[in-house]
């Protein structure tokens, strides 16, 4: 997935725009995707790689990464675990949770007190709900006393995952 961020202060030229347009729906699933993009656009492969790196460095492109379809991989019970943890430890605890092989992403969100005390979110994947709940309990054990409460919100449908399109 190619996620593109709009910034008024960052200028991209026509070639950058063509590279973004050619990659915004995903890189080709080949051994050498940048070669394929370069050939498609009539550019040198090193120029494509260099330009994409510069766009990453400038923040025009936020990230290049894989967006797996967990359902097709057999992980049909996906639960967003939400955690109430001390604010001063959120970075440390987020890294700890995010390092678990069953967590695809972990991030901070604002609390909305008193109804919503949760400030750390982590998506946990499993083949069954029981498996997800077991994995969430592993996180709870890792957090120890820093776990001031948590919930698991199970997915009910798949949403289309796409970034900004130009």
N, C-alpha and C. Protein backbone atom coordinates (compact mmCIF):
# COMPACT_ATOMS: atom_id res chain seq x y z
N UNK A 1 0.85 -1.18 0.00
CA UNK A 1 0.00 0.00 0.00
C UNK A 1 0.88 1.22 0.00
N UNK A 2 0.51 2.22 -0.75
CA UNK A 2 1.21 3.49 -0.78
C UNK A 2 0.27 4.53 -0.20
N UNK A 3 0.64 5.11 0.93
CA UNK A 3 -0.18 6.13 1.57
C UNK A 3 0.44 7.49 1.26
N UNK A 4 -0.32 8.37 0.64
CA UNK A 4 0.19 9.68 0.24
C UNK A 4 -0.43 10.75 1.11
N UNK A 5 0.41 11.68 1.56
CA UNK A 5 -0.04 12.78 2.41
C UNK A 5 0.06 14.07 1.62
N UNK A 6 -0.96 14.88 1.64
CA UNK A 6 -0.95 16.17 0.97
C UNK A 6 -0.33 17.21 1.89
N UNK A 7 0.64 17.95 1.38
CA UNK A 7 1.23 19.05 2.13
C UNK A 7 1.40 20.23 1.18
N UNK A 8 0.89 21.37 1.57
CA UNK A 8 0.98 22.56 0.73
C UNK A 8 2.43 22.96 0.50
N UNK A 9 3.30 22.78 1.49
CA UNK A 9 4.68 23.23 1.37
C UNK A 9 5.57 22.29 0.57
N UNK A 10 5.09 21.10 0.23
CA UNK A 10 5.88 20.15 -0.52
C UNK A 10 5.42 20.16 -1.97
N UNK A 11 6.37 20.37 -2.86
CA UNK A 11 6.07 20.42 -4.29
C UNK A 11 6.50 19.10 -4.92
N UNK A 12 5.60 18.52 -5.69
CA UNK A 12 5.98 17.34 -6.46
C UNK A 12 5.86 17.71 -7.93
N UNK A 13 6.73 17.13 -8.73
CA UNK A 13 6.69 17.44 -10.16
C UNK A 13 5.86 16.40 -10.91
N UNK A 14 5.80 16.55 -12.22
CA UNK A 14 4.95 15.67 -13.03
C UNK A 14 5.41 14.21 -12.96
N UNK A 15 6.71 13.99 -12.85
CA UNK A 15 7.21 12.61 -12.78
C UNK A 15 6.83 11.99 -11.44
N UNK A 16 6.99 12.75 -10.34
CA UNK A 16 6.56 12.24 -9.03
C UNK A 16 5.08 11.88 -9.06
N UNK A 17 4.29 12.74 -9.66
CA UNK A 17 2.84 12.52 -9.73
C UNK A 17 2.54 11.23 -10.51
N UNK A 18 3.29 10.98 -11.60
CA UNK A 18 3.09 9.75 -12.38
C UNK A 18 3.47 8.52 -11.55
N UNK A 19 4.54 8.63 -10.78
CA UNK A 19 4.97 7.51 -9.93
C UNK A 19 3.89 7.22 -8.88
N UNK A 20 3.36 8.27 -8.27
CA UNK A 20 2.30 8.10 -7.28
C UNK A 20 1.07 7.46 -7.92
N UNK A 21 0.67 7.97 -9.08
CA UNK A 21 -0.51 7.43 -9.75
C UNK A 21 -0.31 5.96 -10.12
N UNK A 22 0.91 5.59 -10.52
CA UNK A 22 1.19 4.21 -10.92
C UNK A 22 1.27 3.25 -9.74
N UNK A 23 1.50 3.77 -8.55
CA UNK A 23 1.70 2.89 -7.38
C UNK A 23 0.61 3.01 -6.32
N UNK A 24 -0.32 3.93 -6.47
CA UNK A 24 -1.27 4.17 -5.39
C UNK A 24 -2.24 3.01 -5.17
N UNK A 25 -2.39 2.14 -6.12
CA UNK A 25 -3.25 0.96 -5.92
C UNK A 25 -2.42 -0.25 -5.51
N UNK A 26 -1.14 -0.04 -5.28
CA UNK A 26 -0.26 -1.12 -4.85
C UNK A 26 0.86 -1.34 -5.84
N UNK A 27 1.95 -1.86 -5.33
CA UNK A 27 3.08 -2.21 -6.19
C UNK A 27 2.77 -3.52 -6.89
N UNK A 28 3.33 -3.73 -8.07
CA UNK A 28 3.14 -5.02 -8.74
C UNK A 28 3.69 -6.15 -7.87
N UNK A 29 3.00 -7.26 -7.84
CA UNK A 29 3.43 -8.41 -7.04
C UNK A 29 4.41 -9.26 -7.86
N UNK A 30 5.58 -8.68 -8.08
CA UNK A 30 6.64 -9.34 -8.84
C UNK A 30 7.94 -9.26 -8.04
N UNK A 31 8.94 -9.99 -8.51
CA UNK A 31 10.24 -9.99 -7.84
C UNK A 31 10.85 -8.59 -7.84
N UNK A 32 10.63 -7.83 -8.91
CA UNK A 32 11.22 -6.49 -9.05
C UNK A 32 10.15 -5.46 -9.38
N UNK A 33 9.33 -5.09 -8.40
CA UNK A 33 8.21 -4.18 -8.70
C UNK A 33 8.65 -2.81 -9.20
N UNK A 34 9.78 -2.31 -8.70
CA UNK A 34 10.23 -0.99 -9.14
C UNK A 34 10.68 -1.01 -10.59
N UNK A 35 11.21 -2.14 -11.05
CA UNK A 35 11.59 -2.28 -12.46
C UNK A 35 10.34 -2.20 -13.33
N UNK A 36 9.27 -2.86 -12.87
CA UNK A 36 8.03 -2.86 -13.64
C UNK A 36 7.42 -1.46 -13.71
N UNK A 37 7.43 -0.74 -12.59
CA UNK A 37 6.93 0.64 -12.58
C UNK A 37 7.76 1.51 -13.51
N UNK A 38 9.08 1.36 -13.43
CA UNK A 38 9.98 2.15 -14.29
C UNK A 38 9.69 1.88 -15.76
N UNK A 39 9.54 0.61 -16.13
CA UNK A 39 9.26 0.26 -17.52
C UNK A 39 7.92 0.83 -17.97
N UNK A 40 6.92 0.74 -17.09
CA UNK A 40 5.58 1.26 -17.40
C UNK A 40 5.63 2.76 -17.68
N UNK A 41 6.47 3.49 -16.93
CA UNK A 41 6.53 4.95 -17.05
C UNK A 41 7.64 5.43 -17.96
N UNK A 42 8.45 4.52 -18.47
CA UNK A 42 9.57 4.91 -19.34
C UNK A 42 10.67 5.63 -18.57
N UNK A 43 10.90 5.21 -17.32
CA UNK A 43 11.91 5.84 -16.47
C UNK A 43 12.99 4.83 -16.11
N UNK A 44 14.10 5.34 -15.64
CA UNK A 44 15.16 4.50 -15.12
C UNK A 44 14.74 3.99 -13.74
N UNK A 45 14.99 2.71 -13.46
CA UNK A 45 14.56 2.12 -12.19
C UNK A 45 15.18 2.85 -11.00
N UNK A 46 16.45 3.25 -11.11
CA UNK A 46 17.08 3.94 -9.99
C UNK A 46 16.42 5.30 -9.75
N UNK A 47 15.96 5.95 -10.81
CA UNK A 47 15.26 7.23 -10.66
C UNK A 47 13.95 7.03 -9.90
N UNK A 48 13.22 5.95 -10.22
CA UNK A 48 11.97 5.65 -9.51
C UNK A 48 12.25 5.43 -8.03
N UNK A 49 13.25 4.61 -7.73
CA UNK A 49 13.60 4.30 -6.34
C UNK A 49 14.03 5.56 -5.60
N UNK A 50 14.89 6.36 -6.22
CA UNK A 50 15.38 7.59 -5.59
C UNK A 50 14.25 8.57 -5.34
N UNK A 51 13.39 8.76 -6.32
CA UNK A 51 12.26 9.69 -6.17
C UNK A 51 11.30 9.22 -5.07
N UNK A 52 11.04 7.92 -5.02
CA UNK A 52 10.14 7.43 -3.98
C UNK A 52 10.77 7.61 -2.60
N UNK A 53 12.07 7.40 -2.48
CA UNK A 53 12.74 7.61 -1.21
C UNK A 53 12.69 9.08 -0.80
N UNK A 54 12.90 9.98 -1.75
CA UNK A 54 12.82 11.42 -1.45
C UNK A 54 11.41 11.81 -1.02
N UNK A 55 10.40 11.23 -1.68
CA UNK A 55 9.02 11.54 -1.29
C UNK A 55 8.72 11.00 0.11
N UNK A 56 9.29 9.84 0.44
CA UNK A 56 9.16 9.33 1.81
C UNK A 56 9.84 10.27 2.80
N UNK A 57 11.07 10.68 2.48
CA UNK A 57 11.83 11.56 3.36
C UNK A 57 11.13 12.90 3.58
N UNK A 58 10.47 13.43 2.54
CA UNK A 58 9.77 14.72 2.64
C UNK A 58 8.38 14.59 3.27
N UNK A 59 7.90 13.36 3.40
CA UNK A 59 6.57 13.17 3.96
C UNK A 59 5.45 13.21 2.93
N UNK A 60 5.79 13.28 1.65
CA UNK A 60 4.76 13.24 0.60
C UNK A 60 4.11 11.86 0.61
N UNK A 61 4.94 10.82 0.72
CA UNK A 61 4.48 9.45 0.91
C UNK A 61 4.73 9.13 2.37
N UNK A 62 3.70 8.71 3.08
CA UNK A 62 3.86 8.40 4.51
C UNK A 62 4.55 7.07 4.71
N UNK A 63 4.17 6.07 3.91
CA UNK A 63 4.77 4.76 4.08
C UNK A 63 4.51 3.90 2.86
N UNK A 64 5.33 2.88 2.72
CA UNK A 64 5.12 1.83 1.74
C UNK A 64 5.07 0.55 2.56
N UNK A 65 3.99 -0.16 2.48
CA UNK A 65 3.88 -1.36 3.31
C UNK A 65 2.85 -2.32 2.76
N UNK A 66 2.86 -3.49 3.32
CA UNK A 66 1.94 -4.55 2.94
C UNK A 66 0.62 -4.37 3.71
N UNK A 67 -0.48 -4.58 3.02
CA UNK A 67 -1.79 -4.57 3.66
C UNK A 67 -2.40 -5.95 3.45
N UNK A 68 -2.15 -6.86 4.40
CA UNK A 68 -2.66 -8.22 4.22
C UNK A 68 -4.16 -8.30 4.44
N UNK A 69 -4.79 -9.23 3.77
CA UNK A 69 -6.19 -9.53 4.02
C UNK A 69 -6.21 -10.69 4.99
N UNK A 70 -6.38 -10.39 6.27
CA UNK A 70 -6.32 -11.39 7.31
C UNK A 70 -7.36 -12.49 7.13
N UNK A 71 -8.51 -12.13 6.59
CA UNK A 71 -9.57 -13.12 6.38
C UNK A 71 -9.11 -14.18 5.38
N UNK A 72 -8.47 -13.76 4.28
CA UNK A 72 -7.99 -14.72 3.28
C UNK A 72 -6.87 -15.58 3.84
N UNK A 73 -6.16 -15.10 4.84
CA UNK A 73 -5.08 -15.85 5.47
C UNK A 73 -5.60 -16.79 6.57
N UNK A 74 -6.92 -16.79 6.80
CA UNK A 74 -7.52 -17.69 7.77
C UNK A 74 -7.76 -17.07 9.14
N UNK A 75 -7.42 -15.79 9.30
CA UNK A 75 -7.62 -15.11 10.59
C UNK A 75 -8.96 -14.40 10.54
N UNK A 76 -10.00 -15.11 10.94
CA UNK A 76 -11.35 -14.60 10.80
C UNK A 76 -11.87 -13.92 12.06
N UNK A 77 -11.17 -14.07 13.17
CA UNK A 77 -11.59 -13.44 14.43
C UNK A 77 -10.57 -12.35 14.75
N UNK A 78 -10.87 -11.14 14.35
CA UNK A 78 -9.96 -10.02 14.57
C UNK A 78 -10.57 -9.10 15.60
N UNK A 79 -9.78 -8.78 16.61
CA UNK A 79 -10.30 -7.94 17.68
C UNK A 79 -9.41 -6.75 17.96
N UNK A 80 -10.03 -5.59 17.98
CA UNK A 80 -9.30 -4.39 18.39
C UNK A 80 -9.31 -4.37 19.91
N UNK A 81 -8.13 -4.55 20.49
CA UNK A 81 -8.05 -4.46 21.95
C UNK A 81 -7.77 -3.00 22.30
N UNK A 82 -8.50 -2.50 23.26
CA UNK A 82 -8.34 -1.11 23.69
C UNK A 82 -7.93 -1.13 25.15
N UNK A 83 -6.94 -0.31 25.48
CA UNK A 83 -6.30 -0.36 26.79
C UNK A 83 -6.28 0.99 27.46
N UNK A 84 -6.50 0.99 28.75
CA UNK A 84 -6.35 2.18 29.58
C UNK A 84 -5.00 2.02 30.28
N UNK A 85 -4.01 2.78 29.81
CA UNK A 85 -2.67 2.69 30.38
C UNK A 85 -2.19 4.08 30.79
N UNK A 86 -1.20 4.16 31.68
CA UNK A 86 -0.69 5.47 32.09
C UNK A 86 -0.13 6.25 30.89
N UNK A 87 -0.53 7.48 30.78
CA UNK A 87 -0.14 8.34 29.66
C UNK A 87 1.39 8.44 29.54
N UNK A 88 2.07 8.54 30.70
CA UNK A 88 3.52 8.73 30.68
C UNK A 88 4.28 7.49 30.21
N UNK A 89 3.60 6.36 30.11
CA UNK A 89 4.25 5.11 29.67
C UNK A 89 3.74 4.64 28.32
N UNK A 90 2.92 5.44 27.66
CA UNK A 90 2.22 4.95 26.47
C UNK A 90 3.17 4.56 25.35
N UNK A 91 4.24 5.31 25.15
CA UNK A 91 5.19 4.97 24.08
C UNK A 91 5.87 3.63 24.37
N UNK A 92 6.35 3.47 25.57
CA UNK A 92 7.02 2.24 25.98
C UNK A 92 6.07 1.04 25.89
N UNK A 93 4.86 1.20 26.39
CA UNK A 93 3.90 0.10 26.39
C UNK A 93 3.40 -0.20 24.97
N UNK A 94 3.25 0.83 24.17
CA UNK A 94 2.85 0.64 22.77
C UNK A 94 3.88 -0.17 22.00
N UNK A 95 5.17 0.12 22.24
CA UNK A 95 6.22 -0.65 21.58
C UNK A 95 6.21 -2.10 22.05
N UNK A 96 5.98 -2.31 23.32
CA UNK A 96 5.92 -3.66 23.88
C UNK A 96 4.78 -4.46 23.23
N UNK A 97 3.61 -3.86 23.16
CA UNK A 97 2.46 -4.54 22.55
C UNK A 97 2.67 -4.72 21.06
N UNK A 98 3.12 -3.68 20.39
CA UNK A 98 3.32 -3.74 18.95
C UNK A 98 4.35 -4.78 18.52
N UNK A 99 5.24 -5.17 19.40
CA UNK A 99 6.27 -6.16 19.09
C UNK A 99 5.73 -7.59 19.10
N UNK A 100 4.51 -7.79 19.57
CA UNK A 100 3.94 -9.14 19.62
C UNK A 100 3.59 -9.59 18.20
N UNK A 101 3.91 -10.84 17.86
CA UNK A 101 3.71 -11.30 16.49
C UNK A 101 2.23 -11.41 16.09
N UNK A 102 1.33 -11.38 17.03
CA UNK A 102 -0.10 -11.48 16.72
C UNK A 102 -0.77 -10.11 16.68
N UNK A 103 -0.01 -9.03 16.83
CA UNK A 103 -0.53 -7.66 16.75
C UNK A 103 -0.07 -7.05 15.43
N UNK A 104 -1.03 -6.63 14.60
CA UNK A 104 -0.65 -6.04 13.30
C UNK A 104 -0.37 -4.55 13.42
N UNK A 105 -1.06 -3.87 14.32
CA UNK A 105 -0.79 -2.45 14.51
C UNK A 105 -1.23 -2.02 15.91
N UNK A 106 -0.52 -1.03 16.41
CA UNK A 106 -0.76 -0.54 17.76
C UNK A 106 -0.55 0.97 17.73
N UNK A 107 -1.47 1.71 18.30
CA UNK A 107 -1.36 3.16 18.24
C UNK A 107 -2.11 3.83 19.38
N UNK A 108 -1.74 5.07 19.63
CA UNK A 108 -2.36 5.89 20.68
C UNK A 108 -3.57 6.61 20.12
N UNK A 109 -4.60 6.74 20.95
CA UNK A 109 -5.80 7.51 20.62
C UNK A 109 -6.19 8.31 21.86
N UNK A 110 -6.89 9.42 21.66
CA UNK A 110 -7.31 10.21 22.83
C UNK A 110 -8.41 9.52 23.61
N UNK A 111 -8.39 9.76 24.90
CA UNK A 111 -9.47 9.29 25.77
C UNK A 111 -10.65 10.25 25.63
N UNK A 112 -11.85 9.76 25.91
CA UNK A 112 -13.03 10.62 25.96
C UNK A 112 -13.73 10.29 27.28
N UNK A 113 -13.20 10.90 28.33
CA UNK A 113 -13.69 10.63 29.68
C UNK A 113 -15.04 11.30 29.91
N UNK A 114 -15.89 10.71 30.72
CA UNK A 114 -15.68 9.51 31.51
C UNK A 114 -16.07 8.23 30.76
N UNK A 115 -16.72 8.36 29.58
CA UNK A 115 -17.25 7.18 28.88
C UNK A 115 -16.16 6.29 28.29
N UNK A 116 -15.07 6.86 27.83
CA UNK A 116 -14.06 6.10 27.08
C UNK A 116 -12.67 6.38 27.65
N UNK A 117 -12.21 5.54 28.58
CA UNK A 117 -10.91 5.77 29.22
C UNK A 117 -9.72 5.19 28.46
N UNK A 118 -9.95 4.58 27.30
CA UNK A 118 -8.91 3.83 26.60
C UNK A 118 -8.06 4.73 25.71
N UNK A 119 -6.74 4.58 25.83
CA UNK A 119 -5.83 5.45 25.08
C UNK A 119 -4.82 4.69 24.23
N UNK A 120 -4.82 3.36 24.26
CA UNK A 120 -3.89 2.56 23.47
C UNK A 120 -4.68 1.45 22.78
N UNK A 121 -4.54 1.37 21.46
CA UNK A 121 -5.31 0.42 20.66
C UNK A 121 -4.35 -0.57 20.01
N UNK A 122 -4.72 -1.84 19.96
CA UNK A 122 -3.88 -2.86 19.31
C UNK A 122 -4.77 -3.89 18.62
N UNK A 123 -4.58 -4.08 17.33
CA UNK A 123 -5.36 -5.06 16.58
C UNK A 123 -4.73 -6.43 16.75
N UNK A 124 -5.52 -7.36 17.27
CA UNK A 124 -5.07 -8.72 17.54
C UNK A 124 -5.79 -9.67 16.57
N UNK A 125 -5.03 -10.56 15.96
CA UNK A 125 -5.59 -11.48 14.96
C UNK A 125 -5.55 -12.91 15.45
N UNK A 126 -6.60 -13.65 15.14
CA UNK A 126 -6.66 -15.07 15.48
C UNK A 126 -7.67 -15.77 14.60
N UNK A 127 -7.63 -17.08 14.64
CA UNK A 127 -8.56 -17.86 13.82
C UNK A 127 -9.91 -18.02 14.49
N UNK A 128 -9.94 -17.86 15.83
CA UNK A 128 -11.19 -17.94 16.57
C UNK A 128 -11.22 -16.81 17.60
N UNK A 129 -12.41 -16.50 18.09
CA UNK A 129 -12.53 -15.49 19.14
C UNK A 129 -11.79 -15.91 20.40
N UNK A 130 -11.85 -17.18 20.73
CA UNK A 130 -11.13 -17.67 21.91
C UNK A 130 -9.62 -17.45 21.77
N UNK A 131 -9.11 -17.69 20.57
CA UNK A 131 -7.68 -17.47 20.34
C UNK A 131 -7.33 -15.99 20.53
N UNK A 132 -8.16 -15.09 20.02
CA UNK A 132 -7.93 -13.66 20.19
C UNK A 132 -7.95 -13.31 21.68
N UNK A 133 -8.94 -13.83 22.40
CA UNK A 133 -9.04 -13.53 23.83
C UNK A 133 -7.82 -14.05 24.60
N UNK A 134 -7.29 -15.20 24.21
CA UNK A 134 -6.07 -15.72 24.84
C UNK A 134 -4.89 -14.78 24.60
N UNK A 135 -4.79 -14.28 23.39
CA UNK A 135 -3.70 -13.37 23.04
C UNK A 135 -3.84 -12.04 23.78
N UNK A 136 -5.06 -11.57 23.93
CA UNK A 136 -5.30 -10.34 24.68
C UNK A 136 -4.88 -10.54 26.14
N UNK A 137 -5.14 -11.70 26.67
CA UNK A 137 -4.72 -11.98 28.06
C UNK A 137 -3.19 -11.98 28.17
N UNK A 138 -2.49 -12.41 27.12
CA UNK A 138 -1.02 -12.33 27.12
C UNK A 138 -0.58 -10.87 27.21
N UNK A 139 -1.28 -10.00 26.49
CA UNK A 139 -0.97 -8.57 26.55
C UNK A 139 -1.23 -8.06 27.97
N UNK A 140 -2.36 -8.45 28.53
CA UNK A 140 -2.70 -8.00 29.89
C UNK A 140 -1.60 -8.42 30.87
N UNK A 141 -1.09 -9.63 30.72
CA UNK A 141 -0.01 -10.11 31.58
C UNK A 141 1.25 -9.28 31.37
N UNK A 142 1.57 -8.97 30.11
CA UNK A 142 2.75 -8.14 29.82
C UNK A 142 2.63 -6.75 30.47
N UNK A 143 1.42 -6.19 30.43
CA UNK A 143 1.22 -4.85 30.97
C UNK A 143 1.21 -4.83 32.49
N UNK A 144 0.81 -5.91 33.10
CA UNK A 144 0.78 -5.98 34.57
C UNK A 144 -0.07 -4.87 35.16
N UNK A 145 0.48 -4.17 36.16
CA UNK A 145 -0.26 -3.12 36.85
C UNK A 145 -0.54 -1.89 35.98
N UNK A 146 0.14 -1.80 34.82
CA UNK A 146 -0.12 -0.68 33.90
C UNK A 146 -1.43 -0.86 33.14
N UNK A 147 -2.02 -2.05 33.20
CA UNK A 147 -3.32 -2.31 32.60
C UNK A 147 -4.39 -1.85 33.58
N UNK A 148 -5.00 -0.71 33.29
CA UNK A 148 -6.05 -0.15 34.15
C UNK A 148 -7.44 -0.50 33.63
N UNK A 149 -7.48 -1.44 32.69
CA UNK A 149 -8.74 -1.86 32.10
C UNK A 149 -8.61 -2.01 30.60
N UNK A 150 -9.37 -2.92 30.03
CA UNK A 150 -9.34 -3.11 28.58
C UNK A 150 -10.62 -3.76 28.09
N UNK A 151 -10.85 -3.65 26.80
CA UNK A 151 -11.96 -4.28 26.10
C UNK A 151 -11.43 -4.89 24.81
N UNK A 152 -12.21 -5.80 24.24
CA UNK A 152 -11.91 -6.32 22.90
C UNK A 152 -13.13 -6.06 22.04
N UNK A 153 -12.93 -5.35 20.95
CA UNK A 153 -14.01 -5.04 20.01
C UNK A 153 -13.78 -5.88 18.76
N UNK A 154 -14.62 -6.87 18.52
CA UNK A 154 -14.42 -7.78 17.39
C UNK A 154 -14.93 -7.17 16.10
N UNK A 155 -14.20 -7.45 15.01
CA UNK A 155 -14.60 -7.00 13.68
C UNK A 155 -15.87 -7.73 13.26
N UNK A 156 -16.75 -7.01 12.59
CA UNK A 156 -17.97 -7.63 12.07
C UNK A 156 -18.00 -7.64 10.54
N UNK A 157 -17.13 -6.83 9.92
CA UNK A 157 -17.04 -6.81 8.46
C UNK A 157 -15.69 -6.24 8.05
N UNK A 158 -15.33 -6.48 6.78
CA UNK A 158 -14.07 -5.99 6.24
C UNK A 158 -14.34 -4.65 5.57
N UNK A 159 -13.51 -3.68 5.90
CA UNK A 159 -13.60 -2.37 5.24
C UNK A 159 -12.51 -2.30 4.19
N UNK A 160 -12.78 -1.61 3.10
CA UNK A 160 -11.78 -1.45 2.05
C UNK A 160 -10.66 -0.57 2.58
N UNK A 161 -9.43 -1.06 2.48
CA UNK A 161 -8.28 -0.33 2.98
C UNK A 161 -7.58 0.36 1.82
N UNK A 162 -7.70 1.67 1.76
CA UNK A 162 -7.02 2.41 0.71
C UNK A 162 -6.50 3.72 1.26
N UNK A 163 -5.48 4.22 0.63
CA UNK A 163 -4.95 5.53 0.98
C UNK A 163 -5.52 6.59 0.06
N UNK A 164 -4.99 7.78 0.14
CA UNK A 164 -5.42 8.89 -0.71
C UNK A 164 -5.12 8.57 -2.17
N UNK A 165 -6.04 8.89 -3.04
CA UNK A 165 -5.86 8.68 -4.48
C UNK A 165 -5.73 10.04 -5.16
N UNK A 166 -4.83 10.10 -6.12
CA UNK A 166 -4.74 11.33 -6.92
C UNK A 166 -5.11 11.04 -8.34
